[in-house]
Amino acid sequence: MWIVEPGRARAGIAYVASGRIRVELIYHAQYTRPAGSSGLEYTDNSYRLNIKIAVNKGILQRVFDGGDSDD
């Protein structure tokens, strides 16, 4: 028999403003099993806004560009 406790669902959208700036909006929904219940019920949610700013080139970008020279 499978028992799931708690269950979570997550969805998000992202916008790439430039090569170094990314904005993400993420929604989380949580489902738990109340005492004496056999099914999961919606109990909580949250929203998250992430703003990511890259200050340098990453390792993989340097590898795929063919070296570690600074532009």
PDB file of N, CA and C in Angstrom:
ATOM      1  N   MET A   1       0.841  -1.180   0.000  1.00  0.00           N
ATOM      2  CA  MET A   1       0.000   0.000   0.000  1.00  0.00           C
ATOM      3  C   MET A   1       0.888   1.245   0.000  1.00  0.00           C
ATOM      4  N   TRP A   2       0.553   2.200  -0.855  1.00  0.00           N
ATOM      5  CA  TRP A   2       1.311   3.447  -0.956  1.00  0.00           C
ATOM      6  C   TRP A   2       0.668   4.507  -0.070  1.00  0.00           C
ATOM      7  N   ILE A   3       1.492   5.204   0.691  1.00  0.00           N
ATOM      8  CA  ILE A   3       1.013   6.311   1.516  1.00  0.00           C
ATOM      9  C   ILE A   3       1.837   7.543   1.154  1.00  0.00           C
ATOM     10  N   VAL A   4       1.157   8.605   0.769  1.00  0.00           N
ATOM     11  CA  VAL A   4       1.822   9.852   0.403  1.00  0.00           C
ATOM     12  C   VAL A   4       1.487  10.890   1.455  1.00  0.00           C
ATOM     13  N   GLU A   5       2.533  11.487   2.045  1.00  0.00           N
ATOM     14  CA  GLU A   5       2.300  12.513   3.065  1.00  0.00           C
ATOM     15  C   GLU A   5       3.495  13.423   3.151  1.00  0.00           C
ATOM     16  N   PRO A   6       3.468  14.659   2.957  1.00  0.00           N
ATOM     17  CA  PRO A   6       2.460  15.431   2.232  1.00  0.00           C
ATOM     18  C   PRO A   6       2.728  15.393   0.731  1.00  0.00           C
ATOM     19  N   GLY A   7       1.784  15.866  -0.035  1.00  0.00           N
ATOM     20  CA  GLY A   7       1.958  15.999  -1.479  1.00  0.00           C
ATOM     21  C   GLY A   7       2.144  17.467  -1.820  1.00  0.00           C
ATOM     22  N   ARG A   8       3.037  17.750  -2.746  1.00  0.00           N
ATOM     23  CA  ARG A   8       3.284  19.144  -3.138  1.00  0.00           C
ATOM     24  C   ARG A   8       3.260  19.258  -4.654  1.00  0.00           C
ATOM     25  N   ALA A   9       2.704  20.345  -5.145  1.00  0.00           N
ATOM     26  CA  ALA A   9       2.700  20.655  -6.573  1.00  0.00           C
ATOM     27  C   ALA A   9       3.361  22.017  -6.750  1.00  0.00           C
ATOM     28  N   ARG A  10       4.115  22.151  -7.827  1.00  0.00           N
ATOM     29  CA  ARG A  10       4.837  23.399  -8.051  1.00  0.00           C
ATOM     30  C   ARG A  10       4.764  23.746  -9.532  1.00  0.00           C
ATOM     31  N   ALA A  11       4.533  25.017  -9.821  1.00  0.00           N
ATOM     32  CA  ALA A  11       4.505  25.513 -11.198  1.00  0.00           C
ATOM     33  C   ALA A  11       5.156  26.891 -11.217  1.00  0.00           C
ATOM     34  N   GLY A  12       5.741  27.236 -12.333  1.00  0.00           N
ATOM     35  CA  GLY A  12       6.392  28.535 -12.396  1.00  0.00           C
ATOM     36  C   GLY A  12       6.540  29.039 -13.813  1.00  0.00           C
ATOM     37  N   ILE A  13       6.790  30.334 -13.906  1.00  0.00           N
ATOM     38  CA  ILE A  13       7.097  30.973 -15.178  1.00  0.00           C
ATOM     39  C   ILE A  13       8.354  31.806 -14.974  1.00  0.00           C
ATOM     40  N   ALA A  14       9.096  31.985 -16.062  1.00  0.00           N
ATOM     41  CA  ALA A  14      10.330  32.760 -15.981  1.00  0.00           C
ATOM     42  C   ALA A  14      10.393  33.736 -17.149  1.00  0.00           C
ATOM     43  N   TYR A  15      11.070  34.843 -16.910  1.00  0.00           N
ATOM     44  CA  TYR A  15      11.293  35.856 -17.939  1.00  0.00           C
ATOM     45  C   TYR A  15      12.779  36.176 -17.946  1.00  0.00           C
ATOM     46  N   VAL A  16      13.401  36.051 -19.112  1.00  0.00           N
ATOM     47  CA  VAL A  16      14.819  36.378 -19.243  1.00  0.00           C
ATOM     48  C   VAL A  16      14.904  37.798 -19.784  1.00  0.00           C
ATOM     49  N   ALA A  17      15.293  38.725 -18.907  1.00  0.00           N
ATOM     50  CA  ALA A  17      15.328  40.137 -19.279  1.00  0.00           C
ATOM     51  C   ALA A  17      16.547  40.458 -20.147  1.00  0.00           C
ATOM     52  N   SER A  18      17.660  39.788 -19.897  1.00  0.00           N
ATOM     53  CA  SER A  18      18.873  39.946 -20.694  1.00  0.00           C
ATOM     54  C   SER A  18      19.703  38.691 -20.481  1.00  0.00           C
ATOM     55  N   GLY A  19      20.916  38.682 -20.996  1.00  0.00           N
ATOM     56  CA  GLY A  19      21.775  37.527 -20.823  1.00  0.00           C
ATOM     57  C   GLY A  19      22.177  37.282 -19.377  1.00  0.00           C
ATOM     58  N   ARG A  20      22.010  38.271 -18.524  1.00  0.00           N
ATOM     59  CA  ARG A  20      22.452  38.149 -17.138  1.00  0.00           C
ATOM     60  C   ARG A  20      21.350  38.317 -16.097  1.00  0.00           C
ATOM     61  N   ILE A  21      20.125  38.636 -16.511  1.00  0.00           N
ATOM     62  CA  ILE A  21      19.044  38.857 -15.551  1.00  0.00           C
ATOM     63  C   ILE A  21      17.866  37.929 -15.872  1.00  0.00           C
ATOM     64  N   ARG A  22      17.389  37.213 -14.848  1.00  0.00           N
ATOM     65  CA  ARG A  22      16.241  36.319 -15.005  1.00  0.00           C
ATOM     66  C   ARG A  22      15.298  36.525 -13.830  1.00  0.00           C
ATOM     67  N   VAL A  23      13.997  36.598 -14.126  1.00  0.00           N
ATOM     68  CA  VAL A  23      12.967  36.774 -13.109  1.00  0.00           C
ATOM     69  C   VAL A  23      12.062  35.541 -13.148  1.00  0.00           C
ATOM     70  N   GLU A  24      11.797  34.940 -11.984  1.00  0.00           N
ATOM     71  CA  GLU A  24      10.970  33.738 -11.901  1.00  0.00           C
ATOM     72  C   GLU A  24       9.844  33.963 -10.900  1.00  0.00           C
ATOM     73  N   LEU A  25       8.640  33.503 -11.230  1.00  0.00           N
ATOM     74  CA  LEU A  25       7.510  33.496 -10.315  1.00  0.00           C
ATOM     75  C   LEU A  25       7.091  32.044 -10.144  1.00  0.00           C
ATOM     76  N   ILE A  26       7.125  31.542  -8.903  1.00  0.00           N
ATOM     77  CA  ILE A  26       6.870  30.136  -8.622  1.00  0.00           C
ATOM     78  C   ILE A  26       5.718  30.032  -7.629  1.00  0.00           C
ATOM     79  N   TYR A  27       4.802  29.089  -7.905  1.00  0.00           N
ATOM     80  CA  TYR A  27       3.666  28.821  -7.025  1.00  0.00           C
ATOM     81  C   TYR A  27       3.797  27.412  -6.469  1.00  0.00           C
ATOM     82  N   HIS A  28       3.635  27.268  -5.150  1.00  0.00           N
ATOM     83  CA  HIS A  28       3.668  25.971  -4.472  1.00  0.00           C
ATOM     84  C   HIS A  28       2.298  25.734  -3.835  1.00  0.00           C
ATOM     85  N   ALA A  29       1.750  24.518  -4.001  1.00  0.00           N
ATOM     86  CA  ALA A  29       0.520  24.099  -3.316  1.00  0.00           C
ATOM     87  C   ALA A  29       0.843  22.846  -2.518  1.00  0.00           C
ATOM     88  N   GLN A  30       0.337  22.755  -1.310  1.00  0.00           N
ATOM     89  CA  GLN A  30       0.612  21.601  -0.456  1.00  0.00           C
ATOM     90  C   GLN A  30      -0.684  20.890  -0.090  1.00  0.00           C
ATOM     91  N   TYR A  31      -0.635  19.585  -0.136  1.00  0.00           N
ATOM     92  CA  TYR A  31      -1.763  18.723   0.203  1.00  0.00           C
ATOM     93  C   TYR A  31      -1.322  17.769   1.306  1.00  0.00           C
ATOM     94  N   THR A  32      -2.066  17.702   2.396  1.00  0.00           N
ATOM     95  CA  THR A  32      -1.737  16.796   3.493  1.00  0.00           C
ATOM     96  C   THR A  32      -2.952  15.947   3.850  1.00  0.00           C
ATOM     97  N   ARG A  33      -2.700  14.914   4.618  1.00  0.00           N
ATOM     98  CA  ARG A  33      -3.756  14.001   5.036  1.00  0.00           C
ATOM     99  C   ARG A  33      -4.189  14.394   6.452  1.00  0.00           C
ATOM    100  N   PRO A  34      -5.389  14.955   6.617  1.00  0.00           N
ATOM    101  CA  PRO A  34      -5.877  15.312   7.951  1.00  0.00           C
ATOM    102  C   PRO A  34      -6.085  14.049   8.811  1.00  0.00           C
ATOM    103  N   ALA A  35      -6.064  14.215  10.117  1.00  0.00           N
ATOM    104  CA  ALA A  35      -6.263  13.084  11.034  1.00  0.00           C
ATOM    105  C   ALA A  35      -7.607  12.419  10.765  1.00  0.00           C
ATOM    106  N   GLY A  36      -7.599  11.114  10.601  1.00  0.00           N
ATOM    107  CA  GLY A  36      -8.828  10.365  10.383  1.00  0.00           C
ATOM    108  C   GLY A  36      -9.336  10.390   8.953  1.00  0.00           C
ATOM    109  N   SER A  37      -8.576  10.958   8.022  1.00  0.00           N
ATOM    110  CA  SER A  37      -9.008  11.042   6.633  1.00  0.00           C
ATOM    111  C   SER A  37      -8.190  10.088   5.779  1.00  0.00           C
ATOM    112  N   SER A  38      -8.794   9.593   4.716  1.00  0.00           N
ATOM    113  CA  SER A  38      -8.076   8.672   3.841  1.00  0.00           C
ATOM    114  C   SER A  38      -7.495   9.363   2.609  1.00  0.00           C
ATOM    115  N   GLY A  39      -7.893  10.598   2.337  1.00  0.00           N
ATOM    116  CA  GLY A  39      -7.412  11.299   1.150  1.00  0.00           C
ATOM    117  C   GLY A  39      -6.641  12.559   1.494  1.00  0.00           C
ATOM    118  N   LEU A  40      -5.910  13.049   0.508  1.00  0.00           N
ATOM    119  CA  LEU A  40      -5.173  14.292   0.684  1.00  0.00           C
ATOM    120  C   LEU A  40      -6.110  15.479   0.486  1.00  0.00           C
ATOM    121  N   GLU A  41      -5.907  16.527   1.279  1.00  0.00           N
ATOM    122  CA  GLU A  41      -6.689  17.751   1.162  1.00  0.00           C
ATOM    123  C   GLU A  41      -5.744  18.935   1.040  1.00  0.00           C
ATOM    124  N   TYR A  42      -6.180  19.938   0.273  1.00  0.00           N
ATOM    125  CA  TYR A  42      -5.404  21.160   0.091  1.00  0.00           C
ATOM    126  C   TYR A  42      -5.274  21.876   1.434  1.00  0.00           C
ATOM    127  N   THR A  43      -4.042  22.200   1.844  1.00  0.00           N
ATOM    128  CA  THR A  43      -3.842  22.830   3.146  1.00  0.00           C
ATOM    129  C   THR A  43      -3.025  24.121   3.123  1.00  0.00           C
ATOM    130  N   ASP A  44      -2.223  24.351   2.098  1.00  0.00           N
ATOM    131  CA  ASP A  44      -1.338  25.509   2.155  1.00  0.00           C
ATOM    132  C   ASP A  44      -0.868  25.870   0.751  1.00  0.00           C
ATOM    133  N   ASN A  45      -0.458  27.138   0.572  1.00  0.00           N
ATOM    134  CA  ASN A  45       0.170  27.553  -0.669  1.00  0.00           C
ATOM    135  C   ASN A  45       1.184  28.643  -0.385  1.00  0.00           C
ATOM    136  N   SER A  46       2.043  28.892  -1.360  1.00  0.00           N
ATOM    137  CA  SER A  46       2.999  29.991  -1.241  1.00  0.00           C
ATOM    138  C   SER A  46       3.414  30.434  -2.633  1.00  0.00           C
ATOM    139  N   TYR A  47       3.816  31.690  -2.728  1.00  0.00           N
ATOM    140  CA  TYR A  47       4.331  32.272  -3.957  1.00  0.00           C
ATOM    141  C   TYR A  47       5.766  32.677  -3.701  1.00  0.00           C
ATOM    142  N   ARG A  48       6.611  32.504  -4.705  1.00  0.00           N
ATOM    143  CA  ARG A  48       8.015  32.896  -4.567  1.00  0.00           C
ATOM    144  C   ARG A  48       8.413  33.699  -5.798  1.00  0.00           C
ATOM    145  N   LEU A  49       9.063  34.828  -5.585  1.00  0.00           N
ATOM    146  CA  LEU A  49       9.591  35.649  -6.669  1.00  0.00           C
ATOM    147  C   LEU A  49      11.109  35.614  -6.568  1.00  0.00           C
ATOM    148  N   ASN A  50      11.768  35.083  -7.589  1.00  0.00           N
ATOM    149  CA  ASN A  50      13.227  35.021  -7.637  1.00  0.00           C
ATOM    150  C   ASN A  50      13.721  35.985  -8.702  1.00  0.00           C
ATOM    151  N   ILE A  51      14.698  36.801  -8.341  1.00  0.00           N
ATOM    152  CA  ILE A  51      15.383  37.666  -9.297  1.00  0.00           C
ATOM    153  C   ILE A  51      16.838  37.249  -9.273  1.00  0.00           C
ATOM    154  N   LYS A  52      17.324  36.751 -10.413  1.00  0.00           N
ATOM    155  CA  LYS A  52      18.693  36.233 -10.487  1.00  0.00           C
ATOM    156  C   LYS A  52      19.513  37.127 -11.398  1.00  0.00           C
ATOM    157  N   ILE A  53      20.652  37.568 -10.870  1.00  0.00           N
ATOM    158  CA  ILE A  53      21.554  38.437 -11.611  1.00  0.00           C
ATOM    159  C   ILE A  53      22.913  37.767 -11.657  1.00  0.00           C
ATOM    160  N   ALA A  54      23.406  37.485 -12.846  1.00  0.00           N
ATOM    161  CA  ALA A  54      24.728  36.877 -13.011  1.00  0.00           C
ATOM    162  C   ALA A  54      25.770  37.985 -13.093  1.00  0.00           C
ATOM    163  N   VAL A  55      26.830  37.858 -12.317  1.00  0.00           N
ATOM    164  CA  VAL A  55      27.871  38.880 -12.328  1.00  0.00           C
ATOM    165  C   VAL A  55      29.062  38.481 -13.173  1.00  0.00           C
ATOM    166  N   ASN A  56      29.281  37.185 -13.398  1.00  0.00           N
ATOM    167  CA  ASN A  56      30.368  36.687 -14.231  1.00  0.00           C
ATOM    168  C   ASN A  56      29.862  35.561 -15.105  1.00  0.00           C
ATOM    169  N   LYS A  57      30.655  35.209 -16.098  1.00  0.00           N
ATOM    170  CA  LYS A  57      30.312  34.046 -16.905  1.00  0.00           C
ATOM    171  C   LYS A  57      30.478  32.795 -16.067  1.00  0.00           C
ATOM    172  N   GLY A  58      29.593  31.838 -16.257  1.00  0.00           N
ATOM    173  CA  GLY A  58      29.683  30.580 -15.540  1.00  0.00           C
ATOM    174  C   GLY A  58      30.712  29.654 -16.149  1.00  0.00           C
ATOM    175  N   ILE A  59      30.993  28.558 -15.466  1.00  0.00           N
ATOM    176  CA  ILE A  59      31.997  27.598 -15.918  1.00  0.00           C
ATOM    177  C   ILE A  59      31.606  26.982 -17.254  1.00  0.00           C
ATOM    178  N   LEU A  60      30.350  26.553 -17.389  1.00  0.00           N
ATOM    179  CA  LEU A  60      29.934  25.918 -18.640  1.00  0.00           C
ATOM    180  C   LEU A  60      29.980  26.892 -19.813  1.00  0.00           C
ATOM    181  N   GLN A  61      29.616  28.146 -19.578  1.00  0.00           N
ATOM    182  CA  GLN A  61      29.661  29.131 -20.663  1.00  0.00           C
ATOM    183  C   GLN A  61      31.103  29.329 -21.119  1.00  0.00           C
ATOM    184  N   ARG A  62      32.066  29.328 -20.189  1.00  0.00           N
ATOM    185  CA  ARG A  62      33.469  29.459 -20.573  1.00  0.00           C
ATOM    186  C   ARG A  62      33.938  28.248 -21.363  1.00  0.00           C
ATOM    187  N   VAL A  63      33.516  27.051 -20.984  1.00  0.00           N
ATOM    188  CA  VAL A  63      33.901  25.843 -21.702  1.00  0.00           C
ATOM    189  C   VAL A  63      33.357  25.864 -23.121  1.00  0.00           C
ATOM    190  N   PHE A  64      32.063  26.191 -23.280  1.00  0.00           N
ATOM    191  CA  PHE A  64      31.464  26.170 -24.613  1.00  0.00           C
ATOM    192  C   PHE A  64      31.936  27.319 -25.486  1.00  0.00           C
ATOM    193  N   ASP A  65      32.408  28.413 -24.901  1.00  0.00           N
ATOM    194  CA  ASP A  65      32.949  29.523 -25.689  1.00  0.00           C
ATOM    195  C   ASP A  65      34.373  29.261 -26.134  1.00  0.00           C
ATOM    196  N   GLY A  66      35.005  28.206 -25.622  1.00  0.00           N
ATOM    197  CA  GLY A  66      36.338  27.841 -26.104  1.00  0.00           C
ATOM    198  C   GLY A  66      37.479  28.358 -25.262  1.00  0.00           C
ATOM    199  N   GLY A  67      37.277  28.631 -24.008  1.00  0.00           N
ATOM    200  CA  GLY A  67      38.383  29.080 -23.170  1.00  0.00           C
ATOM    201  C   GLY A  67      37.916  29.936 -22.051  1.00  0.00           C
ATOM    202  N   ASP A  68      38.882  30.476 -21.325  1.00  0.00           N
ATOM    203  CA  ASP A  68      38.540  31.295 -20.172  1.00  0.00           C
ATOM    204  C   ASP A  68      38.979  32.738 -20.369  1.00  0.00           C
ATOM    205  N   SER A  69      39.022  33.194 -21.594  1.00  0.00           N
ATOM    206  CA  SER A  69      39.393  34.590 -21.834  1.00  0.00           C
ATOM    207  C   SER A  69      38.244  35.492 -21.430  1.00  0.00           C
ATOM    208  N   ASP A  70      38.567  36.624 -20.856  1.00  0.00           N
ATOM    209  CA  ASP A  70      37.544  37.578 -20.442  1.00  0.00           C
ATOM    210  C   ASP A  70      37.200  38.490 -21.613  1.00  0.00           C
ATOM    211  N   ASP A  71      35.901  38.694 -21.832  1.00  0.00           N
ATOM    212  CA  ASP A  71      35.442  39.553 -22.922  1.00  0.00           C
ATOM    213  C   ASP A  71      35.110  40.924 -22.421  1.00  0.00           C
TER     214      ASP A  71
END
